[in-house]
Amino acid sequence: MKILVADDHQIVRYGLKLMVKSIWPRARVEAENLDAAVNLISSNNISLMIFDVNMPDEEKLEELIRFIVKEAKAVIFSGYEKTSPCIELLLAAGANAFIFKDSSVVEIKEILASLFMNSGPEMS
């Protein structure tokens, strides 16, 4: 399984990679920013993408999600408030889950693991 983690903070990417590897030890995880993510998506068989919503070029995120959900699962990782209109917009675009940065490690792992068992959007 190939998983793409796109966040502009290296420490966040590192933590997400560790979490992903704890669920899928054989997963190949790519950690890039949003611009590089577009190139990786088009040239790799990505199964799961985890994006920070607040990155440079974030205005491209809705369009990117609409494109990628045809081929893979898309998760938005954000520090936004749970009532942000951005959540509704990105879920409507096809995001499979919206994980808040204040979620516990257990909650995040449960949502990520459930993505390949359930079809509806998840929120934590």
PDB file of N, CA and C in Angstrom:
ATOM      1  N   MET A   1       0.848  -1.174   0.000  1.00  0.00           N
ATOM      2  CA  MET A   1       0.000   0.000   0.000  1.00  0.00           C
ATOM      3  C   MET A   1       0.892   1.236   0.000  1.00  0.00           C
ATOM      4  N   LYS A   2       0.571   2.191  -0.861  1.00  0.00           N
ATOM      5  CA  LYS A   2       1.302   3.461  -0.892  1.00  0.00           C
ATOM      6  C   LYS A   2       0.422   4.549  -0.287  1.00  0.00           C
ATOM      7  N   ILE A   3       1.008   5.297   0.615  1.00  0.00           N
ATOM      8  CA  ILE A   3       0.278   6.340   1.329  1.00  0.00           C
ATOM      9  C   ILE A   3       1.042   7.643   1.196  1.00  0.00           C
ATOM     10  N   LEU A   4       0.320   8.699   0.884  1.00  0.00           N
ATOM     11  CA  LEU A   4       0.910  10.023   0.730  1.00  0.00           C
ATOM     12  C   LEU A   4       0.491  10.892   1.905  1.00  0.00           C
ATOM     13  N   VAL A   5       1.457  11.489   2.586  1.00  0.00           N
ATOM     14  CA  VAL A   5       1.195  12.427   3.678  1.00  0.00           C
ATOM     15  C   VAL A   5       1.688  13.791   3.224  1.00  0.00           C
ATOM     16  N   ALA A   6       0.785  14.750   3.122  1.00  0.00           N
ATOM     17  CA  ALA A   6       1.146  16.099   2.679  1.00  0.00           C
ATOM     18  C   ALA A   6       0.852  17.097   3.796  1.00  0.00           C
ATOM     19  N   ASP A   7       1.897  17.629   4.372  1.00  0.00           N
ATOM     20  CA  ASP A   7       1.787  18.646   5.421  1.00  0.00           C
ATOM     21  C   ASP A   7       3.037  19.505   5.329  1.00  0.00           C
ATOM     22  N   ASP A   8       2.892  20.798   5.529  1.00  0.00           N
ATOM     23  CA  ASP A   8       4.046  21.684   5.402  1.00  0.00           C
ATOM     24  C   ASP A   8       4.922  21.714   6.656  1.00  0.00           C
ATOM     25  N   HIS A   9       4.570  20.956   7.674  1.00  0.00           N
ATOM     26  CA  HIS A   9       5.380  20.868   8.893  1.00  0.00           C
ATOM     27  C   HIS A   9       6.009  19.480   8.977  1.00  0.00           C
ATOM     28  N   GLN A  10       7.326  19.446   8.962  1.00  0.00           N
ATOM     29  CA  GLN A  10       8.054  18.182   8.944  1.00  0.00           C
ATOM     30  C   GLN A  10       7.723  17.301  10.144  1.00  0.00           C
ATOM     31  N   ILE A  11       7.573  17.874  11.316  1.00  0.00           N
ATOM     32  CA  ILE A  11       7.297  17.087  12.510  1.00  0.00           C
ATOM     33  C   ILE A  11       5.930  16.415  12.418  1.00  0.00           C
ATOM     34  N   VAL A  12       4.961  17.092  11.821  1.00  0.00           N
ATOM     35  CA  VAL A  12       3.631  16.509  11.637  1.00  0.00           C
ATOM     36  C   VAL A  12       3.711  15.343  10.652  1.00  0.00           C
ATOM     37  N   ARG A  13       4.421  15.545   9.540  1.00  0.00           N
ATOM     38  CA  ARG A  13       4.593  14.458   8.566  1.00  0.00           C
ATOM     39  C   ARG A  13       5.242  13.243   9.225  1.00  0.00           C
ATOM     40  N   TYR A  14       6.261  13.501  10.019  1.00  0.00           N
ATOM     41  CA  TYR A  14       6.974  12.413  10.684  1.00  0.00           C
ATOM     42  C   TYR A  14       6.036  11.639  11.616  1.00  0.00           C
ATOM     43  N   GLY A  15       5.268  12.358  12.424  1.00  0.00           N
ATOM     44  CA  GLY A  15       4.329  11.715  13.343  1.00  0.00           C
ATOM     45  C   GLY A  15       3.262  10.913  12.619  1.00  0.00           C
ATOM     46  N   LEU A  16       2.730  11.472  11.542  1.00  0.00           N
ATOM     47  CA  LEU A  16       1.723  10.744  10.762  1.00  0.00           C
ATOM     48  C   LEU A  16       2.318   9.496  10.122  1.00  0.00           C
ATOM     49  N   LYS A  17       3.545   9.608   9.638  1.00  0.00           N
ATOM     50  CA  LYS A  17       4.201   8.438   9.048  1.00  0.00           C
ATOM     51  C   LYS A  17       4.353   7.324  10.086  1.00  0.00           C
ATOM     52  N   LEU A  18       4.738   7.682  11.309  1.00  0.00           N
ATOM     53  CA  LEU A  18       4.868   6.679  12.368  1.00  0.00           C
ATOM     54  C   LEU A  18       3.528   6.022  12.674  1.00  0.00           C
ATOM     55  N   MET A  19       2.472   6.826  12.722  1.00  0.00           N
ATOM     56  CA  MET A  19       1.147   6.290  12.995  1.00  0.00           C
ATOM     57  C   MET A  19       0.686   5.346  11.890  1.00  0.00           C
ATOM     58  N   VAL A  20       0.884   5.771  10.644  1.00  0.00           N
ATOM     59  CA  VAL A  20       0.495   4.946   9.497  1.00  0.00           C
ATOM     60  C   VAL A  20       1.253   3.622   9.531  1.00  0.00           C
ATOM     61  N   LYS A  21       2.545   3.678   9.797  1.00  0.00           N
ATOM     62  CA  LYS A  21       3.360   2.460   9.844  1.00  0.00           C
ATOM     63  C   LYS A  21       2.929   1.533  10.987  1.00  0.00           C
ATOM     64  N   SER A  22       2.362   2.092  12.061  1.00  0.00           N
ATOM     65  CA  SER A  22       1.896   1.244  13.156  1.00  0.00           C
ATOM     66  C   SER A  22       0.630   0.481  12.766  1.00  0.00           C
ATOM     67  N   ILE A  23      -0.121   0.999  11.801  1.00  0.00           N
ATOM     68  CA  ILE A  23      -1.332   0.327  11.317  1.00  0.00           C
ATOM     69  C   ILE A  23      -0.991  -0.618  10.167  1.00  0.00           C
ATOM     70  N   TRP A  24      -0.215  -0.111   9.226  1.00  0.00           N
ATOM     71  CA  TRP A  24       0.179  -0.872   8.035  1.00  0.00           C
ATOM     72  C   TRP A  24       1.709  -0.905   7.973  1.00  0.00           C
ATOM     73  N   PRO A  25       2.345  -1.846   8.671  1.00  0.00           N
ATOM     74  CA  PRO A  25       3.812  -1.863   8.748  1.00  0.00           C
ATOM     75  C   PRO A  25       4.520  -1.947   7.393  1.00  0.00           C
ATOM     76  N   ARG A  26       3.892  -2.537   6.407  1.00  0.00           N
ATOM     77  CA  ARG A  26       4.527  -2.682   5.098  1.00  0.00           C
ATOM     78  C   ARG A  26       4.193  -1.533   4.154  1.00  0.00           C
ATOM     79  N   ALA A  27       3.458  -0.562   4.653  1.00  0.00           N
ATOM     80  CA  ALA A  27       3.072   0.572   3.804  1.00  0.00           C
ATOM     81  C   ALA A  27       4.296   1.384   3.413  1.00  0.00           C
ATOM     82  N   ARG A  28       4.256   1.879   2.203  1.00  0.00           N
ATOM     83  CA  ARG A  28       5.291   2.812   1.744  1.00  0.00           C
ATOM     84  C   ARG A  28       4.689   4.205   1.874  1.00  0.00           C
ATOM     85  N   VAL A  29       5.300   5.026   2.680  1.00  0.00           N
ATOM     86  CA  VAL A  29       4.742   6.345   2.971  1.00  0.00           C
ATOM     87  C   VAL A  29       5.601   7.420   2.326  1.00  0.00           C
ATOM     88  N   GLU A  30       4.963   8.279   1.557  1.00  0.00           N
ATOM     89  CA  GLU A  30       5.620   9.432   0.954  1.00  0.00           C
ATOM     90  C   GLU A  30       5.174  10.663   1.729  1.00  0.00           C
ATOM     91  N   ALA A  31       6.080  11.528   2.091  1.00  0.00           N
ATOM     92  CA  ALA A  31       5.737  12.740   2.826  1.00  0.00           C
ATOM     93  C   ALA A  31       6.192  13.941   2.018  1.00  0.00           C
ATOM     94  N   GLU A  32       5.252  14.716   1.551  1.00  0.00           N
ATOM     95  CA  GLU A  32       5.563  15.845   0.677  1.00  0.00           C
ATOM     96  C   GLU A  32       4.618  17.007   0.959  1.00  0.00           C
ATOM     97  N   ASN A  33       4.917  18.151   0.344  1.00  0.00           N
ATOM     98  CA  ASN A  33       4.005  19.290   0.410  1.00  0.00           C
ATOM     99  C   ASN A  33       2.937  19.130  -0.678  1.00  0.00           C
ATOM    100  N   LEU A  34       1.999  20.042  -0.744  1.00  0.00           N
ATOM    101  CA  LEU A  34       0.868  19.903  -1.658  1.00  0.00           C
ATOM    102  C   LEU A  34       1.287  19.920  -3.120  1.00  0.00           C
ATOM    103  N   ASP A  35       2.210  20.792  -3.490  1.00  0.00           N
ATOM    104  CA  ASP A  35       2.661  20.836  -4.887  1.00  0.00           C
ATOM    105  C   ASP A  35       3.297  19.517  -5.309  1.00  0.00           C
ATOM    106  N   ALA A  36       4.173  18.995  -4.479  1.00  0.00           N
ATOM    107  CA  ALA A  36       4.824  17.724  -4.798  1.00  0.00           C
ATOM    108  C   ALA A  36       3.824  16.576  -4.760  1.00  0.00           C
ATOM    109  N   ALA A  37       2.784  16.709  -3.935  1.00  0.00           N
ATOM    110  CA  ALA A  37       1.761  15.666  -3.856  1.00  0.00           C
ATOM    111  C   ALA A  37       1.083  15.449  -5.198  1.00  0.00           C
ATOM    112  N   VAL A  38       0.805  16.521  -5.912  1.00  0.00           N
ATOM    113  CA  VAL A  38       0.153  16.408  -7.219  1.00  0.00           C
ATOM    114  C   VAL A  38       1.003  15.549  -8.154  1.00  0.00           C
ATOM    115  N   ASN A  39       2.299  15.776  -8.164  1.00  0.00           N
ATOM    116  CA  ASN A  39       3.193  14.978  -9.010  1.00  0.00           C
ATOM    117  C   ASN A  39       3.227  13.518  -8.576  1.00  0.00           C
ATOM    118  N   LEU A  40       3.269  13.268  -7.276  1.00  0.00           N
ATOM    119  CA  LEU A  40       3.300  11.898  -6.775  1.00  0.00           C
ATOM    120  C   LEU A  40       2.007  11.154  -7.081  1.00  0.00           C
ATOM    121  N   ILE A  41       0.879  11.845  -6.977  1.00  0.00           N
ATOM    122  CA  ILE A  41      -0.410  11.212  -7.237  1.00  0.00           C
ATOM    123  C   ILE A  41      -0.496  10.744  -8.681  1.00  0.00           C
ATOM    124  N   SER A  42      -0.042  11.578  -9.593  1.00  0.00           N
ATOM    125  CA  SER A  42      -0.164  11.234 -11.003  1.00  0.00           C
ATOM    126  C   SER A  42       0.834  10.168 -11.441  1.00  0.00           C
ATOM    127  N   SER A  43       1.913   9.973 -10.691  1.00  0.00           N
ATOM    128  CA  SER A  43       2.931   9.013 -11.123  1.00  0.00           C
ATOM    129  C   SER A  43       3.030   7.768 -10.237  1.00  0.00           C
ATOM    130  N   ASN A  44       2.161   7.622  -9.258  1.00  0.00           N
ATOM    131  CA  ASN A  44       2.191   6.473  -8.346  1.00  0.00           C
ATOM    132  C   ASN A  44       0.792   5.930  -8.129  1.00  0.00           C
ATOM    133  N   ASN A  45       0.726   4.707  -7.688  1.00  0.00           N
ATOM    134  CA  ASN A  45      -0.546   4.077  -7.359  1.00  0.00           C
ATOM    135  C   ASN A  45      -0.800   4.273  -5.865  1.00  0.00           C
ATOM    136  N   ILE A  46      -1.301   5.442  -5.505  1.00  0.00           N
ATOM    137  CA  ILE A  46      -1.517   5.811  -4.104  1.00  0.00           C
ATOM    138  C   ILE A  46      -2.867   5.257  -3.640  1.00  0.00           C
ATOM    139  N   SER A  47      -2.896   4.647  -2.444  1.00  0.00           N
ATOM    140  CA  SER A  47      -4.127   4.091  -1.879  1.00  0.00           C
ATOM    141  C   SER A  47      -4.808   5.050  -0.915  1.00  0.00           C
ATOM    142  N   LEU A  48      -4.005   5.837  -0.204  1.00  0.00           N
ATOM    143  CA  LEU A  48      -4.519   6.735   0.827  1.00  0.00           C
ATOM    144  C   LEU A  48      -3.705   8.013   0.821  1.00  0.00           C
ATOM    145  N   MET A  49      -4.399   9.141   0.875  1.00  0.00           N
ATOM    146  CA  MET A  49      -3.745  10.436   0.954  1.00  0.00           C
ATOM    147  C   MET A  49      -4.226  11.169   2.192  1.00  0.00           C
ATOM    148  N   ILE A  50      -3.288  11.702   2.962  1.00  0.00           N
ATOM    149  CA  ILE A  50      -3.603  12.477   4.155  1.00  0.00           C
ATOM    150  C   ILE A  50      -3.049  13.878   3.931  1.00  0.00           C
ATOM    151  N   PHE A  51      -3.940  14.866   3.923  1.00  0.00           N
ATOM    152  CA  PHE A  51      -3.566  16.247   3.611  1.00  0.00           C
ATOM    153  C   PHE A  51      -3.838  17.167   4.779  1.00  0.00           C
ATOM    154  N   ASP A  52      -2.911  18.063   5.051  1.00  0.00           N
ATOM    155  CA  ASP A  52      -3.170  19.180   5.958  1.00  0.00           C
ATOM    156  C   ASP A  52      -3.992  20.192   5.169  1.00  0.00           C
ATOM    157  N   VAL A  53      -5.030  20.711   5.765  1.00  0.00           N
ATOM    158  CA  VAL A  53      -5.889  21.653   5.054  1.00  0.00           C
ATOM    159  C   VAL A  53      -5.283  23.050   4.992  1.00  0.00           C
ATOM    160  N   ASN A  54      -4.364  23.356   5.886  1.00  0.00           N
ATOM    161  CA  ASN A  54      -3.818  24.708   5.972  1.00  0.00           C
ATOM    162  C   ASN A  54      -2.363  24.727   5.500  1.00  0.00           C
ATOM    163  N   MET A  55      -2.190  24.643   4.184  1.00  0.00           N
ATOM    164  CA  MET A  55      -0.855  24.660   3.576  1.00  0.00           C
ATOM    165  C   MET A  55      -0.835  25.703   2.474  1.00  0.00           C
ATOM    166  N   PRO A  56       0.358  26.075   2.038  1.00  0.00           N
ATOM    167  CA  PRO A  56       0.414  26.940   0.856  1.00  0.00           C
ATOM    168  C   PRO A  56      -0.326  26.257  -0.302  1.00  0.00           C
ATOM    169  N   ASP A  57      -1.025  27.026  -1.096  1.00  0.00           N
ATOM    170  CA  ASP A  57      -1.836  26.525  -2.215  1.00  0.00           C
ATOM    171  C   ASP A  57      -3.038  25.714  -1.760  1.00  0.00           C
ATOM    172  N   GLU A  58      -3.522  25.951  -0.536  1.00  0.00           N
ATOM    173  CA  GLU A  58      -4.661  25.190  -0.031  1.00  0.00           C
ATOM    174  C   GLU A  58      -5.914  25.371  -0.879  1.00  0.00           C
ATOM    175  N   GLU A  59      -5.983  26.462  -1.654  1.00  0.00           N
ATOM    176  CA  GLU A  59      -7.158  26.675  -2.503  1.00  0.00           C
ATOM    177  C   GLU A  59      -7.284  25.596  -3.577  1.00  0.00           C
ATOM    178  N   LYS A  60      -6.212  24.864  -3.840  1.00  0.00           N
ATOM    179  CA  LYS A  60      -6.238  23.770  -4.821  1.00  0.00           C
ATOM    180  C   LYS A  60      -6.760  22.470  -4.219  1.00  0.00           C
ATOM    181  N   LEU A  61      -6.902  22.422  -2.906  1.00  0.00           N
ATOM    182  CA  LEU A  61      -7.216  21.180  -2.223  1.00  0.00           C
ATOM    183  C   LEU A  61      -8.577  20.607  -2.616  1.00  0.00           C
ATOM    184  N   GLU A  62      -9.601  21.439  -2.711  1.00  0.00           N
ATOM    185  CA  GLU A  62     -10.929  20.940  -3.071  1.00  0.00           C
ATOM    186  C   GLU A  62     -10.902  20.256  -4.440  1.00  0.00           C
ATOM    187  N   GLU A  63     -10.288  20.902  -5.401  1.00  0.00           N
ATOM    188  CA  GLU A  63     -10.188  20.323  -6.744  1.00  0.00           C
ATOM    189  C   GLU A  63      -9.367  19.032  -6.727  1.00  0.00           C
ATOM    190  N   LEU A  64      -8.297  19.028  -5.973  1.00  0.00           N
ATOM    191  CA  LEU A  64      -7.452  17.845  -5.879  1.00  0.00           C
ATOM    192  C   LEU A  64      -8.223  16.674  -5.277  1.00  0.00           C
ATOM    193  N   ILE A  65      -9.000  16.932  -4.252  1.00  0.00           N
ATOM    194  CA  ILE A  65      -9.796  15.874  -3.623  1.00  0.00           C
ATOM    195  C   ILE A  65     -10.801  15.309  -4.612  1.00  0.00           C
ATOM    196  N   ARG A  66     -11.492  16.178  -5.344  1.00  0.00           N
ATOM    197  CA  ARG A  66     -12.454  15.694  -6.343  1.00  0.00           C
ATOM    198  C   ARG A  66     -11.784  14.765  -7.349  1.00  0.00           C
ATOM    199  N   PHE A  67     -10.542  15.046  -7.685  1.00  0.00           N
ATOM    200  CA  PHE A  67      -9.804  14.233  -8.647  1.00  0.00           C
ATOM    201  C   PHE A  67      -9.355  12.898  -8.042  1.00  0.00           C
ATOM    202  N   ILE A  68      -8.787  12.933  -6.842  1.00  0.00           N
ATOM    203  CA  ILE A  68      -8.159  11.731  -6.294  1.00  0.00           C
ATOM    204  C   ILE A  68      -9.127  10.717  -5.722  1.00  0.00           C
ATOM    205  N   VAL A  69     -10.305  11.140  -5.268  1.00  0.00           N
ATOM    206  CA  VAL A  69     -11.208  10.174  -4.638  1.00  0.00           C
ATOM    207  C   VAL A  69     -11.745   9.147  -5.633  1.00  0.00           C
ATOM    208  N   LYS A  70     -11.534   9.368  -6.896  1.00  0.00           N
ATOM    209  CA  LYS A  70     -11.913   8.358  -7.891  1.00  0.00           C
ATOM    210  C   LYS A  70     -10.992   7.145  -7.795  1.00  0.00           C
ATOM    211  N   GLU A  71      -9.775   7.349  -7.309  1.00  0.00           N
ATOM    212  CA  GLU A  71      -8.757   6.295  -7.270  1.00  0.00           C
ATOM    213  C   GLU A  71      -8.330   5.881  -5.863  1.00  0.00           C
ATOM    214  N   ALA A  72      -8.495   6.763  -4.883  1.00  0.00           N
ATOM    215  CA  ALA A  72      -7.926   6.500  -3.558  1.00  0.00           C
ATOM    216  C   ALA A  72      -8.767   7.154  -2.469  1.00  0.00           C
ATOM    217  N   LYS A  73      -8.443   6.852  -1.230  1.00  0.00           N
ATOM    218  CA  LYS A  73      -9.085   7.475  -0.072  1.00  0.00           C
ATOM    219  C   LYS A  73      -8.372   8.789   0.233  1.00  0.00           C
ATOM    220  N   ALA A  74      -9.141   9.792   0.637  1.00  0.00           N
ATOM    221  CA  ALA A  74      -8.584  11.105   0.975  1.00  0.00           C
ATOM    222  C   ALA A  74      -8.986  11.476   2.400  1.00  0.00           C
ATOM    223  N   VAL A  75      -7.990  11.842   3.198  1.00  0.00           N
ATOM    224  CA  VAL A  75      -8.215  12.253   4.580  1.00  0.00           C
ATOM    225  C   VAL A  75      -7.675  13.662   4.752  1.00  0.00           C
ATOM    226  N   ILE A  76      -8.457  14.505   5.385  1.00  0.00           N
ATOM    227  CA  ILE A  76      -8.038  15.867   5.691  1.00  0.00           C
ATOM    228  C   ILE A  76      -7.640  15.903   7.164  1.00  0.00           C
ATOM    229  N   PHE A  77      -6.471  16.463   7.431  1.00  0.00           N
ATOM    230  CA  PHE A  77      -5.916  16.563   8.778  1.00  0.00           C
ATOM    231  C   PHE A  77      -5.814  18.042   9.090  1.00  0.00           C
ATOM    232  N   SER A  78      -6.510  18.510  10.143  1.00  0.00           N
ATOM    233  CA  SER A  78      -6.602  19.950  10.321  1.00  0.00           C
ATOM    234  C   SER A  78      -6.662  20.394  11.768  1.00  0.00           C
ATOM    235  N   GLY A  79      -6.198  21.610  11.978  1.00  0.00           N
ATOM    236  CA  GLY A  79      -6.320  22.273  13.261  1.00  0.00           C
ATOM    237  C   GLY A  79      -7.510  23.220  13.295  1.00  0.00           C
ATOM    238  N   TYR A  80      -8.305  23.259  12.216  1.00  0.00           N
ATOM    239  CA  TYR A  80      -9.482  24.130  12.168  1.00  0.00           C
ATOM    240  C   TYR A  80     -10.481  23.745  13.253  1.00  0.00           C
ATOM    241  N   GLU A  81     -11.344  24.686  13.564  1.00  0.00           N
ATOM    242  CA  GLU A  81     -12.437  24.422  14.490  1.00  0.00           C
ATOM    243  C   GLU A  81     -13.388  23.402  13.866  1.00  0.00           C
ATOM    244  N   LYS A  82     -14.026  22.622  14.704  1.00  0.00           N
ATOM    245  CA  LYS A  82     -14.931  21.575  14.213  1.00  0.00           C
ATOM    246  C   LYS A  82     -16.151  22.136  13.499  1.00  0.00           C
ATOM    247  N   THR A  83     -16.407  23.419  13.659  1.00  0.00           N
ATOM    248  CA  THR A  83     -17.561  24.038  12.995  1.00  0.00           C
ATOM    249  C   THR A  83     -17.168  24.818  11.744  1.00  0.00           C
ATOM    250  N   SER A  84     -15.947  24.688  11.300  1.00  0.00           N
ATOM    251  CA  SER A  84     -15.462  25.435  10.136  1.00  0.00           C
ATOM    252  C   SER A  84     -16.214  25.040   8.869  1.00  0.00           C
ATOM    253  N   PRO A  85     -16.595  26.023   8.040  1.00  0.00           N
ATOM    254  CA  PRO A  85     -17.256  25.704   6.767  1.00  0.00           C
ATOM    255  C   PRO A  85     -16.347  24.909   5.828  1.00  0.00           C
ATOM    256  N   CYS A  86     -15.064  24.981   6.048  1.00  0.00           N
ATOM    257  CA  CYS A  86     -14.104  24.227   5.236  1.00  0.00           C
ATOM    258  C   CYS A  86     -14.368  22.724   5.340  1.00  0.00           C
ATOM    259  N   ILE A  87     -14.766  22.265   6.503  1.00  0.00           N
ATOM    260  CA  ILE A  87     -15.035  20.844   6.708  1.00  0.00           C
ATOM    261  C   ILE A  87     -16.120  20.371   5.758  1.00  0.00           C
ATOM    262  N   GLU A  88     -17.245  21.077   5.765  1.00  0.00           N
ATOM    263  CA  GLU A  88     -18.379  20.706   4.898  1.00  0.00           C
ATOM    264  C   GLU A  88     -17.969  20.737   3.435  1.00  0.00           C
ATOM    265  N   LEU A  89     -17.226  21.747   3.051  1.00  0.00           N
ATOM    266  CA  LEU A  89     -16.799  21.911   1.662  1.00  0.00           C
ATOM    267  C   LEU A  89     -15.941  20.730   1.199  1.00  0.00           C
ATOM    268  N   LEU A  90     -14.968  20.337   2.001  1.00  0.00           N
ATOM    269  CA  LEU A  90     -14.061  19.259   1.607  1.00  0.00           C
ATOM    270  C   LEU A  90     -14.714  17.884   1.703  1.00  0.00           C
ATOM    271  N   LEU A  91     -15.617  17.691   2.663  1.00  0.00           N
ATOM    272  CA  LEU A  91     -16.366  16.439   2.707  1.00  0.00           C
ATOM    273  C   LEU A  91     -17.289  16.333   1.497  1.00  0.00           C
ATOM    274  N   ALA A  92     -17.906  17.452   1.112  1.00  0.00           N
ATOM    275  CA  ALA A  92     -18.758  17.458  -0.087  1.00  0.00           C
ATOM    276  C   ALA A  92     -17.940  17.185  -1.349  1.00  0.00           C
ATOM    277  N   ALA A  93     -16.674  17.579  -1.339  1.00  0.00           N
ATOM    278  CA  ALA A  93     -15.800  17.330  -2.491  1.00  0.00           C
ATOM    279  C   ALA A  93     -15.413  15.857  -2.587  1.00  0.00           C
ATOM    280  N   GLY A  94     -15.643  15.106  -1.499  1.00  0.00           N
ATOM    281  CA  GLY A  94     -15.376  13.675  -1.540  1.00  0.00           C
ATOM    282  C   GLY A  94     -14.390  13.147  -0.521  1.00  0.00           C
ATOM    283  N   ALA A  95     -13.895  14.010   0.373  1.00  0.00           N
ATOM    284  CA  ALA A  95     -12.961  13.526   1.395  1.00  0.00           C
ATOM    285  C   ALA A  95     -13.619  12.411   2.203  1.00  0.00           C
ATOM    286  N   ASN A  96     -12.875  11.365   2.493  1.00  0.00           N
ATOM    287  CA  ASN A  96     -13.410  10.216   3.215  1.00  0.00           C
ATOM    288  C   ASN A  96     -13.409  10.411   4.721  1.00  0.00           C
ATOM    289  N   ALA A  97     -12.559  11.296   5.216  1.00  0.00           N
ATOM    290  CA  ALA A  97     -12.494  11.537   6.655  1.00  0.00           C
ATOM    291  C   ALA A  97     -11.873  12.902   6.914  1.00  0.00           C
ATOM    292  N   PHE A  98     -12.218  13.459   8.059  1.00  0.00           N
ATOM    293  CA  PHE A  98     -11.674  14.736   8.502  1.00  0.00           C
ATOM    294  C   PHE A  98     -11.170  14.506   9.917  1.00  0.00           C
ATOM    295  N   ILE A  99      -9.868  14.544  10.113  1.00  0.00           N
ATOM    296  CA  ILE A  99      -9.273  14.295  11.425  1.00  0.00           C
ATOM    297  C   ILE A  99      -8.723  15.608  11.973  1.00  0.00           C
ATOM    298  N   PHE A 100      -9.132  15.927  13.190  1.00  0.00           N
ATOM    299  CA  PHE A 100      -8.674  17.157  13.816  1.00  0.00           C
ATOM    300  C   PHE A 100      -7.362  16.905  14.543  1.00  0.00           C
ATOM    301  N   LYS A 101      -6.483  17.881  14.533  1.00  0.00           N
ATOM    302  CA  LYS A 101      -5.149  17.715  15.108  1.00  0.00           C
ATOM    303  C   LYS A 101      -5.170  17.549  16.623  1.00  0.00           C
ATOM    304  N   ASP A 102      -6.297  17.847  17.258  1.00  0.00           N
ATOM    305  CA  ASP A 102      -6.385  17.611  18.696  1.00  0.00           C
ATOM    306  C   ASP A 102      -6.969  16.233  19.019  1.00  0.00           C
ATOM    307  N   SER A 103      -7.176  15.402  18.008  1.00  0.00           N
ATOM    308  CA  SER A 103      -7.661  14.037  18.218  1.00  0.00           C
ATOM    309  C   SER A 103      -6.575  13.205  18.889  1.00  0.00           C
ATOM    310  N   SER A 104      -7.007  12.213  19.640  1.00  0.00           N
ATOM    311  CA  SER A 104      -6.030  11.327  20.284  1.00  0.00           C
ATOM    312  C   SER A 104      -5.420  10.384  19.246  1.00  0.00           C
ATOM    313  N   VAL A 105      -4.282   9.824  19.593  1.00  0.00           N
ATOM    314  CA  VAL A 105      -3.621   8.856  18.713  1.00  0.00           C
ATOM    315  C   VAL A 105      -4.559   7.679  18.453  1.00  0.00           C
ATOM    316  N   VAL A 106      -5.259   7.231  19.478  1.00  0.00           N
ATOM    317  CA  VAL A 106      -6.196   6.111  19.329  1.00  0.00           C
ATOM    318  C   VAL A 106      -7.292   6.466  18.328  1.00  0.00           C
ATOM    319  N   GLU A 107      -7.878   7.663  18.450  1.00  0.00           N
ATOM    320  CA  GLU A 107      -8.926   8.087  17.508  1.00  0.00           C
ATOM    321  C   GLU A 107      -8.406   8.135  16.075  1.00  0.00           C
ATOM    322  N   ILE A 108      -7.227   8.694  15.896  1.00  0.00           N
ATOM    323  CA  ILE A 108      -6.655   8.812  14.550  1.00  0.00           C
ATOM    324  C   ILE A 108      -6.415   7.431  13.955  1.00  0.00           C
ATOM    325  N   LYS A 109      -5.836   6.532  14.732  1.00  0.00           N
ATOM    326  CA  LYS A 109      -5.587   5.176  14.242  1.00  0.00           C
ATOM    327  C   LYS A 109      -6.892   4.466  13.885  1.00  0.00           C
ATOM    328  N   GLU A 110      -7.925   4.640  14.714  1.00  0.00           N
ATOM    329  CA  GLU A 110      -9.213   4.000  14.439  1.00  0.00           C
ATOM    330  C   GLU A 110      -9.812   4.500  13.131  1.00  0.00           C
ATOM    331  N   ILE A 111      -9.758   5.794  12.916  1.00  0.00           N
ATOM    332  CA  ILE A 111     -10.311   6.352  11.681  1.00  0.00           C
ATOM    333  C   ILE A 111      -9.521   5.872  10.475  1.00  0.00           C
ATOM    334  N   LEU A 112      -8.208   5.918  10.542  1.00  0.00           N
ATOM    335  CA  LEU A 112      -7.400   5.468   9.409  1.00  0.00           C
ATOM    336  C   LEU A 112      -7.648   3.995   9.110  1.00  0.00           C
ATOM    337  N   ALA A 113      -7.698   3.156  10.147  1.00  0.00           N
ATOM    338  CA  ALA A 113      -7.924   1.724   9.942  1.00  0.00           C
ATOM    339  C   ALA A 113      -9.310   1.452   9.370  1.00  0.00           C
ATOM    340  N   SER A 114     -10.301   2.262   9.755  1.00  0.00           N
ATOM    341  CA  SER A 114     -11.675   2.037   9.290  1.00  0.00           C
ATOM    342  C   SER A 114     -11.898   2.457   7.840  1.00  0.00           C
ATOM    343  N   LEU A 115     -11.006   3.223   7.282  1.00  0.00           N
ATOM    344  CA  LEU A 115     -11.212   3.738   5.921  1.00  0.00           C
ATOM    345  C   LEU A 115     -11.382   2.651   4.876  1.00  0.00           C
ATOM    346  N   PHE A 116     -10.758   1.530   5.084  1.00  0.00           N
ATOM    347  CA  PHE A 116     -10.839   0.463   4.097  1.00  0.00           C
ATOM    348  C   PHE A 116     -11.897  -0.572   4.455  1.00  0.00           C
ATOM    349  N   MET A 117     -12.693  -0.266   5.516  1.00  0.00           N
ATOM    350  CA  MET A 117     -13.810  -1.129   5.900  1.00  0.00           C
ATOM    351  C   MET A 117     -15.147  -0.437   5.683  1.00  0.00           C
ATOM    352  N   ASN A 118     -15.182   0.891   5.806  1.00  0.00           N
ATOM    353  CA  ASN A 118     -16.421   1.663   5.699  1.00  0.00           C
ATOM    354  C   ASN A 118     -16.396   2.526   4.455  1.00  0.00           C
ATOM    355  N   SER A 119     -17.577   2.957   4.033  1.00  0.00           N
ATOM    356  CA  SER A 119     -17.624   3.812   2.843  1.00  0.00           C
ATOM    357  C   SER A 119     -18.022   5.251   3.145  1.00  0.00           C
ATOM    358  N   GLY A 120     -18.614   5.526   4.310  1.00  0.00           N
ATOM    359  CA  GLY A 120     -19.054   6.881   4.608  1.00  0.00           C
ATOM    360  C   GLY A 120     -17.956   7.730   5.217  1.00  0.00           C
ATOM    361  N   PRO A 121     -18.092   9.081   5.169  1.00  0.00           N
ATOM    362  CA  PRO A 121     -17.086   9.967   5.753  1.00  0.00           C
ATOM    363  C   PRO A 121     -17.002   9.807   7.266  1.00  0.00           C
ATOM    364  N   GLU A 122     -15.810   9.938   7.790  1.00  0.00           N
ATOM    365  CA  GLU A 122     -15.551   9.854   9.227  1.00  0.00           C
ATOM    366  C   GLU A 122     -15.068  11.209   9.718  1.00  0.00           C
ATOM    367  N   MET A 123     -15.384  11.500  10.994  1.00  0.00           N
ATOM    368  CA  MET A 123     -14.867  12.725  11.611  1.00  0.00           C
ATOM    369  C   MET A 123     -14.407  12.392  13.014  1.00  0.00           C
ATOM    370  N   SER A 124     -13.331  13.028  13.432  1.00  0.00           N
ATOM    371  CA  SER A 124     -12.837  12.862  14.797  1.00  0.00           C
ATOM    372  C   SER A 124     -12.463  14.220  15.341  1.00  0.00           C
TER     373      SER A 124
END
